[in-house]
N, C-alpha and C. Protein backbone atom coordinates (compact mmCIF):
# COMPACT_ATOMS: atom_id res chain seq x y z
N MET A 1 0.85 -1.17 0.00
CA MET A 1 0.00 0.00 0.00
C MET A 1 0.90 1.24 0.00
N THR A 2 0.50 2.22 -0.76
CA THR A 2 1.26 3.47 -0.84
C THR A 2 0.99 4.32 0.40
N LEU A 3 1.83 5.32 0.60
CA LEU A 3 1.63 6.25 1.71
C LEU A 3 0.30 6.98 1.54
N ALA A 4 -0.01 7.37 0.32
CA ALA A 4 -1.29 8.06 0.06
C ALA A 4 -2.46 7.15 0.42
N GLY A 5 -2.36 5.86 0.07
CA GLY A 5 -3.41 4.91 0.41
C GLY A 5 -3.56 4.74 1.91
N LEU A 6 -2.42 4.68 2.61
CA LEU A 6 -2.44 4.56 4.07
C LEU A 6 -3.10 5.78 4.71
N LEU A 7 -2.78 6.96 4.20
CA LEU A 7 -3.40 8.17 4.73
C LEU A 7 -4.90 8.19 4.47
N ARG A 8 -5.32 7.73 3.29
CA ARG A 8 -6.76 7.67 3.00
C ARG A 8 -7.46 6.69 3.94
N CYS A 9 -6.81 5.58 4.26
CA CYS A 9 -7.40 4.61 5.19
C CYS A 9 -7.49 5.18 6.60
N THR A 10 -6.47 5.91 7.02
CA THR A 10 -6.48 6.53 8.35
C THR A 10 -7.63 7.53 8.46
N ALA A 11 -7.97 8.17 7.37
CA ALA A 11 -9.07 9.14 7.37
C ALA A 11 -10.41 8.48 7.67
N ALA A 12 -10.49 7.17 7.57
CA ALA A 12 -11.74 6.47 7.86
C ALA A 12 -12.08 6.46 9.35
N LEU A 13 -11.07 6.55 10.20
CA LEU A 13 -11.30 6.40 11.64
C LEU A 13 -12.32 7.38 12.22
N PRO A 14 -12.24 8.68 11.95
CA PRO A 14 -13.28 9.56 12.51
C PRO A 14 -14.68 9.26 11.96
N HIS A 15 -14.75 8.85 10.69
CA HIS A 15 -16.05 8.49 10.12
C HIS A 15 -16.61 7.26 10.82
N TRP A 16 -15.76 6.26 11.04
CA TRP A 16 -16.22 5.05 11.72
C TRP A 16 -16.68 5.36 13.15
N ALA A 17 -15.96 6.23 13.85
CA ALA A 17 -16.35 6.59 15.21
C ALA A 17 -17.72 7.27 15.22
N ARG A 18 -17.92 8.20 14.28
CA ARG A 18 -19.23 8.89 14.20
C ARG A 18 -20.34 7.90 13.87
N LEU A 19 -20.08 7.02 12.90
CA LEU A 19 -21.09 6.02 12.52
C LEU A 19 -21.38 5.06 13.66
N ALA A 20 -20.36 4.69 14.43
CA ALA A 20 -20.57 3.78 15.56
C ALA A 20 -21.47 4.44 16.61
N LEU A 21 -21.22 5.70 16.92
CA LEU A 21 -22.07 6.41 17.87
C LEU A 21 -23.49 6.56 17.34
N TRP A 22 -23.59 6.93 16.07
CA TRP A 22 -24.90 7.09 15.42
C TRP A 22 -25.66 5.77 15.44
N GLY A 23 -25.00 4.67 15.13
CA GLY A 23 -25.65 3.36 15.09
C GLY A 23 -26.04 2.85 16.46
N ALA A 24 -25.21 3.14 17.45
CA ALA A 24 -25.47 2.63 18.79
C ALA A 24 -26.50 3.47 19.56
N PHE A 25 -26.42 4.80 19.42
CA PHE A 25 -27.26 5.65 20.25
C PHE A 25 -28.39 6.35 19.51
N GLY A 26 -28.34 6.39 18.20
CA GLY A 26 -29.40 7.02 17.42
C GLY A 26 -30.78 6.46 17.73
N PRO A 27 -30.91 5.12 17.75
CA PRO A 27 -32.23 4.56 18.02
C PRO A 27 -32.77 4.91 19.40
N VAL A 28 -31.89 5.20 20.37
CA VAL A 28 -32.32 5.52 21.72
C VAL A 28 -32.89 6.93 21.81
N VAL A 29 -32.31 7.87 21.05
CA VAL A 29 -32.70 9.27 21.19
C VAL A 29 -33.71 9.73 20.13
N GLU A 30 -33.93 8.95 19.10
CA GLU A 30 -34.86 9.36 18.05
C GLU A 30 -36.29 9.07 18.46
N SER A 31 -37.20 9.86 17.92
CA SER A 31 -38.61 9.66 18.21
C SER A 31 -39.23 8.80 17.10
N GLY A 32 -39.32 7.55 17.34
CA GLY A 32 -39.93 6.65 16.38
C GLY A 32 -38.90 5.93 15.53
N PRO A 33 -39.36 4.89 14.85
CA PRO A 33 -38.44 4.10 14.03
C PRO A 33 -37.97 4.88 12.80
N LEU A 34 -36.72 4.64 12.43
CA LEU A 34 -36.14 5.29 11.27
C LEU A 34 -36.71 4.67 10.00
N GLN A 35 -37.17 5.51 9.09
CA GLN A 35 -37.69 5.08 7.79
C GLN A 35 -36.83 5.69 6.70
N ILE A 36 -36.32 4.86 5.80
CA ILE A 36 -35.56 5.39 4.67
C ILE A 36 -36.16 4.87 3.38
N VAL A 37 -35.84 5.55 2.29
CA VAL A 37 -36.24 5.11 0.95
C VAL A 37 -34.98 5.04 0.10
N GLN A 38 -34.95 4.08 -0.80
CA GLN A 38 -33.83 3.92 -1.71
C GLN A 38 -34.38 3.62 -3.09
N GLY A 39 -33.60 3.98 -4.11
CA GLY A 39 -34.04 3.77 -5.47
C GLY A 39 -33.12 2.87 -6.27
N VAL A 40 -33.73 1.91 -6.95
CA VAL A 40 -33.03 1.13 -7.97
C VAL A 40 -33.27 1.90 -9.26
N ILE A 41 -32.32 2.77 -9.59
CA ILE A 41 -32.47 3.68 -10.74
C ILE A 41 -31.95 2.96 -11.97
N GLU A 42 -32.88 2.62 -12.85
CA GLU A 42 -32.51 1.86 -14.04
C GLU A 42 -32.45 2.76 -15.26
N GLY A 43 -31.47 2.50 -16.10
CA GLY A 43 -31.30 3.22 -17.35
C GLY A 43 -30.71 2.28 -18.38
N GLU A 44 -30.40 2.82 -19.54
CA GLU A 44 -29.85 1.99 -20.62
C GLU A 44 -28.55 1.32 -20.23
N ALA A 45 -27.77 1.97 -19.36
CA ALA A 45 -26.46 1.43 -18.96
C ALA A 45 -26.55 0.52 -17.74
N GLY A 46 -27.74 0.26 -17.23
CA GLY A 46 -27.89 -0.62 -16.08
C GLY A 46 -28.54 0.08 -14.91
N VAL A 47 -27.95 -0.10 -13.74
CA VAL A 47 -28.46 0.49 -12.51
C VAL A 47 -27.41 1.46 -11.96
N LEU A 48 -27.88 2.61 -11.44
CA LEU A 48 -26.97 3.61 -10.92
C LEU A 48 -26.71 3.35 -9.44
N LEU A 49 -25.43 3.30 -9.09
CA LEU A 49 -25.03 3.16 -7.69
C LEU A 49 -24.16 4.36 -7.33
N ALA A 50 -24.08 4.63 -6.03
CA ALA A 50 -23.31 5.78 -5.54
C ALA A 50 -22.40 5.34 -4.40
N VAL A 51 -21.31 6.08 -4.23
CA VAL A 51 -20.40 5.91 -3.10
C VAL A 51 -20.51 7.17 -2.27
N ARG A 52 -20.92 7.02 -1.01
CA ARG A 52 -21.01 8.18 -0.13
C ARG A 52 -19.61 8.53 0.40
N TRP A 53 -19.47 9.75 0.85
CA TRP A 53 -18.17 10.23 1.33
C TRP A 53 -17.77 9.55 2.64
N GLU A 54 -18.72 9.32 3.54
CA GLU A 54 -18.34 8.84 4.87
C GLU A 54 -18.08 7.34 4.95
N LEU A 55 -18.69 6.56 4.10
CA LEU A 55 -18.51 5.11 4.10
C LEU A 55 -18.39 4.68 2.66
N ARG A 56 -17.22 4.28 2.25
CA ARG A 56 -16.92 4.06 0.84
C ARG A 56 -17.27 2.65 0.42
N GLY A 57 -18.23 2.54 -0.44
CA GLY A 57 -18.71 1.30 -1.03
C GLY A 57 -19.94 1.64 -1.84
N TRP A 58 -20.24 0.84 -2.83
CA TRP A 58 -21.38 1.14 -3.71
C TRP A 58 -22.69 0.84 -3.01
N GLU A 59 -23.64 1.74 -3.16
CA GLU A 59 -24.97 1.52 -2.59
C GLU A 59 -26.03 2.23 -3.40
N LEU A 60 -27.27 1.93 -3.08
CA LEU A 60 -28.41 2.55 -3.75
C LEU A 60 -28.59 3.97 -3.24
N PRO A 61 -28.84 4.93 -4.13
CA PRO A 61 -29.13 6.29 -3.68
C PRO A 61 -30.43 6.31 -2.87
N GLY A 62 -30.48 7.23 -1.93
CA GLY A 62 -31.68 7.37 -1.11
C GLY A 62 -31.37 8.02 0.21
N GLY A 63 -32.33 8.01 1.11
CA GLY A 63 -32.12 8.62 2.42
C GLY A 63 -33.39 8.66 3.24
N ASN A 64 -33.39 9.55 4.23
CA ASN A 64 -34.48 9.65 5.19
C ASN A 64 -35.73 10.27 4.59
N VAL A 65 -36.85 9.82 5.09
CA VAL A 65 -38.14 10.42 4.77
C VAL A 65 -38.38 11.51 5.82
N GLU A 66 -38.54 12.74 5.37
CA GLU A 66 -38.77 13.87 6.28
C GLU A 66 -40.25 13.90 6.67
N PRO A 67 -40.56 14.47 7.84
CA PRO A 67 -41.97 14.58 8.26
C PRO A 67 -42.80 15.27 7.19
N GLY A 68 -43.95 14.68 6.90
CA GLY A 68 -44.88 15.24 5.92
C GLY A 68 -44.60 14.82 4.50
N GLU A 69 -43.49 14.13 4.22
CA GLU A 69 -43.17 13.69 2.86
C GLU A 69 -43.74 12.30 2.60
N THR A 70 -44.15 12.09 1.37
CA THR A 70 -44.47 10.73 0.94
C THR A 70 -43.15 10.06 0.59
N ASP A 71 -43.18 8.74 0.42
CA ASP A 71 -41.97 8.02 0.00
C ASP A 71 -41.46 8.57 -1.33
N ALA A 72 -42.39 8.79 -2.27
CA ALA A 72 -41.99 9.26 -3.60
C ALA A 72 -41.35 10.64 -3.53
N GLU A 73 -41.92 11.55 -2.74
CA GLU A 73 -41.35 12.89 -2.60
C GLU A 73 -39.94 12.82 -2.00
N ALA A 74 -39.80 12.02 -0.96
CA ALA A 74 -38.51 11.89 -0.29
C ALA A 74 -37.47 11.28 -1.23
N LEU A 75 -37.86 10.26 -1.97
CA LEU A 75 -36.91 9.60 -2.86
C LEU A 75 -36.49 10.52 -4.01
N ARG A 76 -37.44 11.24 -4.58
CA ARG A 76 -37.08 12.20 -5.64
C ARG A 76 -36.11 13.26 -5.10
N ARG A 77 -36.37 13.78 -3.90
CA ARG A 77 -35.50 14.80 -3.30
C ARG A 77 -34.11 14.22 -3.03
N GLU A 78 -34.05 13.05 -2.41
CA GLU A 78 -32.77 12.44 -2.06
C GLU A 78 -31.94 12.11 -3.30
N VAL A 79 -32.56 11.57 -4.32
CA VAL A 79 -31.83 11.21 -5.55
C VAL A 79 -31.29 12.46 -6.22
N ARG A 80 -32.10 13.51 -6.26
CA ARG A 80 -31.64 14.78 -6.88
C ARG A 80 -30.44 15.34 -6.12
N GLU A 81 -30.53 15.36 -4.78
CA GLU A 81 -29.43 15.90 -3.95
C GLU A 81 -28.17 15.04 -4.08
N GLU A 82 -28.35 13.74 -4.09
CA GLU A 82 -27.22 12.82 -4.01
C GLU A 82 -26.52 12.58 -5.35
N VAL A 83 -27.29 12.39 -6.42
CA VAL A 83 -26.67 12.00 -7.69
C VAL A 83 -27.07 12.88 -8.87
N GLY A 84 -27.87 13.94 -8.64
CA GLY A 84 -28.17 14.90 -9.69
C GLY A 84 -29.22 14.50 -10.71
N LEU A 85 -29.96 13.44 -10.43
CA LEU A 85 -30.97 12.98 -11.38
C LEU A 85 -32.39 13.29 -10.91
N ASP A 86 -33.25 13.56 -11.86
CA ASP A 86 -34.68 13.65 -11.60
C ASP A 86 -35.25 12.29 -11.98
N VAL A 87 -36.03 11.70 -11.07
CA VAL A 87 -36.55 10.36 -11.34
C VAL A 87 -38.06 10.31 -11.15
N GLU A 88 -38.63 9.37 -11.84
CA GLU A 88 -40.03 9.00 -11.63
C GLU A 88 -39.98 7.75 -10.76
N VAL A 89 -40.66 7.79 -9.63
CA VAL A 89 -40.66 6.66 -8.70
C VAL A 89 -41.74 5.68 -9.14
N GLY A 90 -41.33 4.44 -9.32
CA GLY A 90 -42.23 3.40 -9.81
C GLY A 90 -42.63 2.41 -8.72
N ASP A 91 -42.65 1.15 -9.11
CA ASP A 91 -43.12 0.09 -8.23
C ASP A 91 -42.18 -0.18 -7.05
N LEU A 92 -42.78 -0.64 -5.97
CA LEU A 92 -42.03 -1.06 -4.79
C LEU A 92 -41.31 -2.37 -5.10
N VAL A 93 -40.00 -2.41 -4.87
CA VAL A 93 -39.23 -3.64 -4.98
C VAL A 93 -39.44 -4.46 -3.71
N GLY A 94 -39.36 -3.77 -2.56
CA GLY A 94 -39.54 -4.47 -1.30
C GLY A 94 -39.38 -3.56 -0.11
N GLU A 95 -39.75 -4.13 1.04
CA GLU A 95 -39.57 -3.46 2.32
C GLU A 95 -38.61 -4.32 3.13
N TYR A 96 -37.56 -3.68 3.64
CA TYR A 96 -36.48 -4.40 4.32
C TYR A 96 -36.39 -3.88 5.75
N VAL A 97 -36.80 -4.73 6.70
CA VAL A 97 -36.75 -4.38 8.11
C VAL A 97 -35.40 -4.86 8.63
N ARG A 98 -34.56 -3.90 8.98
CA ARG A 98 -33.18 -4.21 9.38
C ARG A 98 -33.03 -4.00 10.89
N THR A 99 -32.57 -5.05 11.53
CA THR A 99 -32.35 -5.02 12.97
C THR A 99 -30.85 -5.05 13.25
N GLY A 100 -30.50 -4.92 14.51
CA GLY A 100 -29.10 -4.92 14.90
C GLY A 100 -28.56 -3.51 14.87
N PHE A 101 -27.43 -3.31 14.19
CA PHE A 101 -26.80 -2.00 14.11
C PHE A 101 -27.70 -1.05 13.34
N ARG A 102 -28.01 0.04 13.93
CA ARG A 102 -28.84 1.09 13.34
C ARG A 102 -30.14 0.53 12.74
N PRO A 103 -31.04 0.05 13.61
CA PRO A 103 -32.29 -0.52 13.09
C PRO A 103 -33.10 0.50 12.30
N HIS A 104 -33.68 0.03 11.21
CA HIS A 104 -34.50 0.90 10.38
C HIS A 104 -35.30 0.04 9.40
N THR A 105 -36.23 0.69 8.74
CA THR A 105 -36.96 0.05 7.66
C THR A 105 -36.65 0.81 6.38
N ALA A 106 -36.24 0.06 5.37
CA ALA A 106 -35.95 0.66 4.06
C ALA A 106 -36.99 0.19 3.06
N ARG A 107 -37.60 1.13 2.39
CA ARG A 107 -38.50 0.81 1.30
C ARG A 107 -37.75 1.14 0.00
N VAL A 108 -37.62 0.16 -0.85
CA VAL A 108 -36.83 0.30 -2.07
C VAL A 108 -37.77 0.28 -3.27
N TYR A 109 -37.62 1.28 -4.13
CA TYR A 109 -38.48 1.44 -5.30
C TYR A 109 -37.67 1.42 -6.60
N ARG A 110 -38.31 0.95 -7.65
CA ARG A 110 -37.73 1.10 -8.98
C ARG A 110 -37.91 2.56 -9.39
N CYS A 111 -36.92 3.10 -10.07
CA CYS A 111 -37.00 4.48 -10.53
C CYS A 111 -36.54 4.56 -11.97
N ARG A 112 -37.11 5.53 -12.67
CA ARG A 112 -36.75 5.78 -14.07
C ARG A 112 -36.28 7.23 -14.18
N VAL A 113 -35.18 7.43 -14.87
CA VAL A 113 -34.61 8.77 -15.04
C VAL A 113 -35.51 9.57 -15.98
N VAL A 114 -35.85 10.80 -15.55
CA VAL A 114 -36.64 11.69 -16.40
C VAL A 114 -35.92 13.02 -16.65
N GLY A 115 -34.75 13.20 -16.04
CA GLY A 115 -33.99 14.43 -16.26
C GLY A 115 -32.72 14.47 -15.44
N GLY A 116 -31.93 15.50 -15.67
CA GLY A 116 -30.69 15.67 -14.94
C GLY A 116 -29.57 14.84 -15.53
N ALA A 117 -28.42 14.89 -14.87
CA ALA A 117 -27.25 14.12 -15.29
C ALA A 117 -26.59 13.55 -14.05
N ALA A 118 -26.27 12.27 -14.09
CA ALA A 118 -25.63 11.62 -12.96
C ALA A 118 -24.25 12.24 -12.72
N ALA A 119 -24.02 12.67 -11.48
CA ALA A 119 -22.76 13.31 -11.15
C ALA A 119 -22.51 13.21 -9.64
N PRO A 120 -21.23 13.21 -9.24
CA PRO A 120 -20.92 13.25 -7.81
C PRO A 120 -21.47 14.53 -7.17
N SER A 121 -21.59 14.52 -5.85
CA SER A 121 -22.15 15.66 -5.14
C SER A 121 -21.48 15.78 -3.77
N SER A 122 -22.01 16.65 -2.95
CA SER A 122 -21.50 16.78 -1.58
C SER A 122 -21.85 15.55 -0.74
N GLU A 123 -22.77 14.71 -1.23
CA GLU A 123 -23.16 13.51 -0.50
C GLU A 123 -22.56 12.24 -1.09
N ALA A 124 -22.22 12.25 -2.38
CA ALA A 124 -21.71 11.06 -3.05
C ALA A 124 -20.43 11.40 -3.80
N SER A 125 -19.35 10.69 -3.46
CA SER A 125 -18.07 10.98 -4.10
C SER A 125 -17.96 10.38 -5.50
N GLU A 126 -18.72 9.34 -5.77
CA GLU A 126 -18.70 8.70 -7.08
C GLU A 126 -20.09 8.19 -7.42
N VAL A 127 -20.41 8.19 -8.69
CA VAL A 127 -21.62 7.56 -9.21
C VAL A 127 -21.24 6.82 -10.48
N ALA A 128 -21.86 5.68 -10.70
CA ALA A 128 -21.57 4.91 -11.92
C ALA A 128 -22.71 3.95 -12.20
N TRP A 129 -22.81 3.57 -13.47
CA TRP A 129 -23.82 2.62 -13.92
C TRP A 129 -23.20 1.22 -13.97
N PHE A 130 -23.97 0.22 -13.56
CA PHE A 130 -23.54 -1.18 -13.58
C PHE A 130 -24.68 -2.04 -14.10
N PRO A 131 -24.37 -3.18 -14.73
CA PRO A 131 -25.44 -4.11 -15.10
C PRO A 131 -26.17 -4.56 -13.83
N LEU A 132 -27.49 -4.55 -13.87
CA LEU A 132 -28.27 -4.93 -12.69
C LEU A 132 -27.95 -6.35 -12.24
N SER A 133 -27.71 -7.24 -13.19
CA SER A 133 -27.44 -8.63 -12.85
C SER A 133 -25.99 -8.86 -12.42
N GLU A 134 -25.12 -7.83 -12.58
CA GLU A 134 -23.71 -7.97 -12.21
C GLU A 134 -23.21 -6.72 -11.47
N PRO A 135 -23.71 -6.51 -10.25
CA PRO A 135 -23.24 -5.33 -9.51
C PRO A 135 -21.76 -5.50 -9.15
N PRO A 136 -21.08 -4.43 -8.81
CA PRO A 136 -19.66 -4.52 -8.46
C PRO A 136 -19.47 -5.31 -7.16
N THR A 137 -18.27 -5.81 -6.96
CA THR A 137 -17.99 -6.61 -5.77
C THR A 137 -18.03 -5.78 -4.49
N ASP A 138 -17.82 -4.48 -4.60
CA ASP A 138 -17.80 -3.62 -3.42
C ASP A 138 -19.15 -2.97 -3.13
N VAL A 139 -20.24 -3.70 -3.40
CA VAL A 139 -21.57 -3.24 -2.99
C VAL A 139 -21.70 -3.50 -1.49
N LEU A 140 -22.19 -2.50 -0.77
CA LEU A 140 -22.35 -2.65 0.67
C LEU A 140 -23.41 -3.72 0.96
N PRO A 141 -23.24 -4.47 2.06
CA PRO A 141 -24.08 -5.64 2.33
C PRO A 141 -25.59 -5.40 2.27
N TRP A 142 -26.05 -4.26 2.75
CA TRP A 142 -27.50 -4.03 2.81
C TRP A 142 -28.12 -3.69 1.46
N CYS A 143 -27.32 -3.57 0.44
CA CYS A 143 -27.86 -3.28 -0.90
C CYS A 143 -27.92 -4.52 -1.78
N ARG A 144 -27.35 -5.62 -1.35
CA ARG A 144 -27.29 -6.81 -2.20
C ARG A 144 -28.67 -7.44 -2.42
N GLU A 145 -29.42 -7.62 -1.35
CA GLU A 145 -30.76 -8.24 -1.50
C GLU A 145 -31.69 -7.36 -2.34
N PRO A 146 -31.76 -6.06 -2.08
CA PRO A 146 -32.62 -5.24 -2.94
C PRO A 146 -32.24 -5.31 -4.42
N LEU A 147 -30.94 -5.37 -4.72
CA LEU A 147 -30.51 -5.49 -6.13
C LEU A 147 -30.93 -6.83 -6.71
N ARG A 148 -30.77 -7.92 -5.93
CA ARG A 148 -31.22 -9.24 -6.41
C ARG A 148 -32.73 -9.25 -6.62
N ASP A 149 -33.45 -8.66 -5.66
CA ASP A 149 -34.91 -8.63 -5.77
C ASP A 149 -35.36 -7.82 -6.98
N ALA A 150 -34.70 -6.70 -7.24
CA ALA A 150 -35.04 -5.88 -8.41
C ALA A 150 -34.71 -6.63 -9.69
N SER A 151 -33.63 -7.38 -9.70
CA SER A 151 -33.24 -8.16 -10.87
C SER A 151 -34.25 -9.28 -11.16
N ALA A 152 -34.85 -9.83 -10.11
CA ALA A 152 -35.82 -10.91 -10.27
C ALA A 152 -37.14 -10.42 -10.85
N ALA A 153 -37.43 -9.14 -10.72
CA ALA A 153 -38.62 -8.51 -11.29
C ALA A 153 -39.92 -9.18 -10.86
N GLY A 154 -39.97 -9.66 -9.62
CA GLY A 154 -41.19 -10.25 -9.10
C GLY A 154 -42.02 -9.24 -8.33
N PRO A 155 -43.02 -9.73 -7.60
CA PRO A 155 -43.83 -8.82 -6.79
C PRO A 155 -43.00 -8.29 -5.61
N PRO A 156 -43.45 -7.22 -4.95
CA PRO A 156 -42.70 -6.67 -3.82
C PRO A 156 -42.46 -7.74 -2.75
N VAL A 157 -41.30 -7.69 -2.15
CA VAL A 157 -40.93 -8.64 -1.10
C VAL A 157 -40.92 -7.92 0.24
N GLN A 158 -41.00 -8.71 1.29
CA GLN A 158 -40.80 -8.21 2.65
C GLN A 158 -39.72 -9.08 3.26
N ARG A 159 -38.65 -8.44 3.71
CA ARG A 159 -37.52 -9.18 4.26
C ARG A 159 -37.11 -8.59 5.60
N GLU A 160 -36.68 -9.49 6.47
CA GLU A 160 -36.07 -9.07 7.73
C GLU A 160 -34.59 -9.40 7.62
N GLU A 161 -33.75 -8.41 7.90
CA GLU A 161 -32.31 -8.58 7.79
C GLU A 161 -31.66 -8.11 9.09
N SER A 162 -30.63 -8.81 9.50
CA SER A 162 -29.89 -8.42 10.69
C SER A 162 -28.58 -7.75 10.26
N GLN A 163 -28.30 -6.61 10.84
CA GLN A 163 -27.04 -5.91 10.61
C GLN A 163 -26.14 -6.21 11.81
N GLY A 164 -25.50 -7.37 11.76
CA GLY A 164 -24.66 -7.80 12.86
C GLY A 164 -23.18 -7.56 12.63
N ALA A 165 -22.38 -8.21 13.45
CA ALA A 165 -20.93 -8.02 13.42
C ALA A 165 -20.33 -8.39 12.06
N SER A 166 -20.81 -9.46 11.44
CA SER A 166 -20.21 -9.86 10.16
C SER A 166 -20.46 -8.80 9.08
N GLU A 167 -21.65 -8.19 9.07
CA GLU A 167 -21.94 -7.13 8.10
C GLU A 167 -21.11 -5.87 8.39
N ILE A 168 -20.92 -5.57 9.66
CA ILE A 168 -20.12 -4.41 10.04
C ILE A 168 -18.67 -4.61 9.59
N PHE A 169 -18.10 -5.77 9.86
CA PHE A 169 -16.71 -6.02 9.48
C PHE A 169 -16.54 -6.10 7.96
N GLU A 170 -17.52 -6.68 7.28
CA GLU A 170 -17.45 -6.71 5.82
C GLU A 170 -17.49 -5.30 5.24
N THR A 171 -18.34 -4.45 5.80
CA THR A 171 -18.43 -3.06 5.35
C THR A 171 -17.12 -2.33 5.61
N MET A 172 -16.50 -2.57 6.76
CA MET A 172 -15.21 -1.94 7.07
C MET A 172 -14.15 -2.37 6.06
N LYS A 173 -14.14 -3.64 5.68
CA LYS A 173 -13.16 -4.12 4.70
C LYS A 173 -13.39 -3.46 3.34
N ILE A 174 -14.65 -3.36 2.92
CA ILE A 174 -14.97 -2.69 1.65
C ILE A 174 -14.50 -1.24 1.71
N ASP A 175 -14.81 -0.56 2.81
CA ASP A 175 -14.43 0.84 2.97
C ASP A 175 -12.90 1.00 2.88
N LEU A 176 -12.15 0.16 3.57
CA LEU A 176 -10.69 0.26 3.54
C LEU A 176 -10.11 -0.03 2.16
N ARG A 177 -10.63 -1.06 1.50
CA ARG A 177 -10.16 -1.36 0.13
C ARG A 177 -10.39 -0.18 -0.80
N THR A 178 -11.57 0.40 -0.70
CA THR A 178 -11.93 1.53 -1.57
C THR A 178 -11.05 2.74 -1.26
N ARG A 179 -10.83 3.03 0.00
CA ARG A 179 -9.99 4.16 0.37
C ARG A 179 -8.54 3.92 -0.08
N ALA A 180 -8.05 2.71 0.10
CA ALA A 180 -6.66 2.40 -0.27
C ALA A 180 -6.44 2.61 -1.78
N ARG A 181 -7.45 2.23 -2.58
CA ARG A 181 -7.35 2.42 -4.04
C ARG A 181 -7.53 3.88 -4.43
N GLY A 182 -8.24 4.63 -3.59
CA GLY A 182 -8.52 6.02 -3.93
C GLY A 182 -9.76 6.17 -4.77
N SER A 183 -10.44 5.06 -5.04
CA SER A 183 -11.64 5.07 -5.88
C SER A 183 -12.39 3.79 -5.64
N ALA A 184 -13.69 3.84 -5.84
CA ALA A 184 -14.49 2.63 -5.73
C ALA A 184 -14.42 1.80 -7.01
N GLN A 185 -13.94 2.39 -8.08
CA GLN A 185 -13.83 1.65 -9.35
C GLN A 185 -12.69 0.64 -9.23
N PRO A 186 -12.93 -0.63 -9.61
CA PRO A 186 -11.87 -1.63 -9.50
C PRO A 186 -10.70 -1.34 -10.42
């Protein structure tokens, strides 16, 4: 590993500390269960994935549903902020109830691009298109099932997933590999 790669890996430590506190204590201080929405944004080049600045690995664009927002409103807002695209929110792929580290419910929808241009932002350091049936190896663990479910093109699913120690350590390894390379692209 180069010195630059080592320095990029060292930069992960404050992010991991913040995420650990957020994951451990967020559920205690928040009012109500966390609800997020994510989009499987499909286009001619496949599915769009993003790498966030704080935790480096490919994942589905999306985020929190604000009070008073519908899922579709929240997802359109989050996708625009994160990757610069305007999308039409389509069918529900599934609802994923995640327990363990940072418990939440994620509702994942198919989305179609209707405007804008995919680009990095203050929330996502990289964006790229991948074949839906062949996502990159550095997809974060919680995005694998939604991608498989979207690829299967069946009715909406309901899944319970545990975010335990193995998922945390796998995510840390993905993050370190990505930081060491300086890019999420293999």
